[in-house]
Amino acid sequence: MTQFRISEAAGLLGVSDDTVRRWCADGILSVSRDDSGRQVVDGAELAAHAKTIAAEIADVGDVRRSARNRFTGLVTKIEIDGLMAQVELQCGPNRVVSLMSSEAAREMNLDVGSKAVAIIKATMVILEAERDTRQ
């Protein structure tokens, strides 16, 4: 079972440590203690919450953005069928889907709630920016 310290969970979701602590206090996330006595959150539960809040965050209007090519996130779904596997990550408000061989997916030992990094190499990148209405 994958677990994340409060600060790690906050970093993965792009929120403050205090926000994660508040979610724990409000019963939105369960909190337990690791072998060192630090508070931790279950990775699968964190992944489920990431999917829940992603829709709220994704529709932010009038912002300038240019995504980087590395997205750290939580595995939210794994489907292995024959020779191929589909792995979904929730990287803050961004859902990233990777298609790979089933062998590669098994070798990576991924589980729902695991931390992973999607590295994207693309020949086309589309940028979005707010229109300048002063002209």
Protein backbone atom coordinates (compact mmCIF):
# COMPACT_ATOMS: atom_id res chain seq x y z
CA MET A 1 0.00 0.00 0.00
CA THR A 2 1.48 3.34 -1.09
CA GLN A 3 1.36 6.13 1.49
CA PHE A 4 2.37 9.78 1.27
CA ARG A 5 3.38 12.21 3.99
CA ILE A 6 1.17 15.29 4.24
CA SER A 7 3.73 17.47 2.44
CA GLU A 8 4.12 14.93 -0.38
CA ALA A 9 0.35 14.66 -0.82
CA ALA A 10 0.09 18.45 -0.93
CA GLY A 11 2.81 18.67 -3.57
CA LEU A 12 1.18 16.04 -5.75
CA LEU A 13 -2.15 17.86 -5.70
CA GLY A 14 -0.73 21.36 -5.94
CA VAL A 15 -2.19 22.52 -2.62
CA SER A 16 -0.72 23.56 0.73
CA ASP A 17 0.10 21.20 3.58
CA ASP A 18 -2.61 22.97 5.61
CA THR A 19 -5.21 22.14 2.94
CA VAL A 20 -4.39 18.43 3.17
CA ARG A 21 -4.49 18.62 6.98
CA ARG A 22 -7.89 20.32 6.77
CA TRP A 23 -9.18 17.57 4.43
CA CYS A 24 -7.99 15.01 6.99
CA ALA A 25 -9.64 16.89 9.87
CA ASP A 26 -12.88 17.17 7.88
CA GLY A 27 -12.87 13.43 7.10
CA ILE A 28 -12.34 13.93 3.36
CA LEU A 29 -9.06 11.97 3.58
CA SER A 30 -8.10 9.35 6.15
CA VAL A 31 -4.84 9.88 7.99
CA SER A 32 -2.68 7.34 9.80
CA ARG A 33 0.88 7.17 11.09
CA ASP A 34 3.86 5.48 9.44
CA ASP A 35 6.58 3.53 11.25
CA SER A 36 8.33 6.81 12.06
CA GLY A 37 5.21 8.30 13.61
CA ARG A 38 4.61 10.79 10.76
CA GLN A 39 1.12 11.39 9.46
CA VAL A 40 0.45 9.70 6.10
CA VAL A 41 -2.40 9.48 3.60
CA ASP A 42 -3.20 6.35 1.58
CA GLY A 43 -2.15 6.70 -2.07
CA ALA A 44 -5.30 5.12 -3.56
CA GLU A 45 -7.54 7.39 -1.46
CA LEU A 46 -5.45 10.40 -2.49
CA ALA A 47 -5.75 9.36 -6.16
CA ALA A 48 -9.54 9.16 -5.86
CA HIS A 49 -9.66 12.62 -4.26
CA ALA A 50 -7.35 13.99 -6.99
CA LYS A 51 -9.87 12.89 -9.62
CA THR A 52 -12.69 14.51 -7.66
CA ILE A 53 -11.02 17.90 -7.37
CA ALA A 54 -9.49 17.84 -10.86
CA ALA A 55 -12.79 18.78 -12.52
CA GLU A 56 -13.13 21.80 -10.23
CA ILE A 57 -9.60 23.00 -10.98
CA ALA A 58 -9.58 22.29 -14.72
CA ASP A 59 -12.13 24.90 -15.68
CA VAL A 60 -10.16 27.95 -14.57
CA GLY A 61 -10.83 30.67 -17.13
CA ASP A 62 -8.82 33.65 -18.33
CA VAL A 63 -5.43 32.26 -17.38
CA ARG A 64 -2.17 32.06 -19.24
CA ARG A 65 -0.55 28.65 -19.31
CA SER A 66 2.14 26.68 -20.99
CA ALA A 67 2.45 23.15 -19.64
CA ARG A 68 5.86 21.66 -18.97
CA ASN A 69 6.87 18.34 -20.41
CA ARG A 70 7.12 16.54 -17.03
CA PHE A 71 3.97 15.88 -15.06
CA THR A 72 4.22 14.29 -11.62
CA GLY A 73 1.03 12.69 -10.44
CA LEU A 74 -0.85 9.76 -9.03
CA VAL A 75 -1.84 6.62 -10.91
CA THR A 76 -5.65 6.57 -11.00
CA LYS A 77 -6.30 3.66 -13.37
CA ILE A 78 -4.41 0.72 -14.90
CA GLU A 79 -5.84 -1.51 -17.62
CA ILE A 80 -3.72 -4.38 -18.91
CA ASP A 81 -5.10 -6.31 -21.88
CA GLY A 82 -2.93 -8.69 -23.84
CA LEU A 83 0.23 -7.01 -25.10
CA MET A 84 -0.80 -3.44 -24.22
CA ALA A 85 -1.52 -1.47 -21.06
CA GLN A 86 -3.22 1.87 -20.48
CA VAL A 87 -2.14 3.82 -17.41
CA GLU A 88 -3.89 7.01 -16.31
CA LEU A 89 -2.29 9.66 -14.09
CA GLN A 90 -3.95 12.58 -12.37
CA CYS A 91 -1.35 15.35 -12.34
CA GLY A 92 -3.05 18.19 -10.49
CA PRO A 93 -5.91 19.23 -12.79
CA ASN A 94 -4.40 17.34 -15.73
CA ARG A 95 -5.29 13.78 -16.72
CA VAL A 96 -2.45 12.08 -18.60
CA VAL A 97 -2.92 8.72 -20.33
CA SER A 98 0.02 6.53 -21.31
CA LEU A 99 -0.12 3.53 -23.62
CA MET A 100 2.71 1.06 -23.13
CA SER A 101 3.46 -2.63 -23.37
CA SER A 102 1.92 -4.77 -20.66
CA GLU A 103 5.46 -6.00 -19.91
CA ALA A 104 6.61 -2.43 -19.15
CA ALA A 105 3.58 -1.78 -16.95
CA ARG A 106 4.23 -4.93 -14.93
CA GLU A 107 7.95 -4.18 -14.59
CA MET A 108 7.14 -0.74 -13.17
CA ASN A 109 5.03 -2.32 -10.37
CA LEU A 110 2.44 0.44 -10.64
CA ASP A 111 -0.66 0.40 -8.45
CA VAL A 112 -3.55 2.84 -8.20
CA GLY A 113 -2.23 5.49 -5.85
CA SER A 114 1.41 5.10 -6.91
CA LYS A 115 3.42 8.20 -7.73
CA ALA A 116 4.66 8.44 -11.31
CA VAL A 117 6.03 11.03 -13.72
CA ALA A 118 4.72 11.40 -17.26
CA ILE A 119 7.42 12.70 -19.60
CA ILE A 120 5.99 13.93 -22.87
CA LYS A 121 7.91 14.36 -26.11
CA ALA A 122 5.71 16.04 -28.70
CA THR A 123 6.37 17.61 -32.07
CA MET A 124 3.43 19.99 -31.66
CA VAL A 125 2.66 22.06 -28.58
CA ILE A 126 -0.36 24.34 -28.39
CA LEU A 127 -0.19 27.40 -26.12
CA GLU A 128 -3.13 29.24 -24.62
CA ALA A 129 -3.08 32.89 -23.52
CA GLU A 130 -5.60 35.53 -22.55
CA ARG A 131 -6.55 37.91 -25.35
CA ASP A 132 -5.32 41.47 -25.02
CA THR A 133 -8.53 43.48 -25.20
CA ARG A 134 -6.76 46.85 -25.08
CA GLN A 135 -6.19 46.94 -28.86
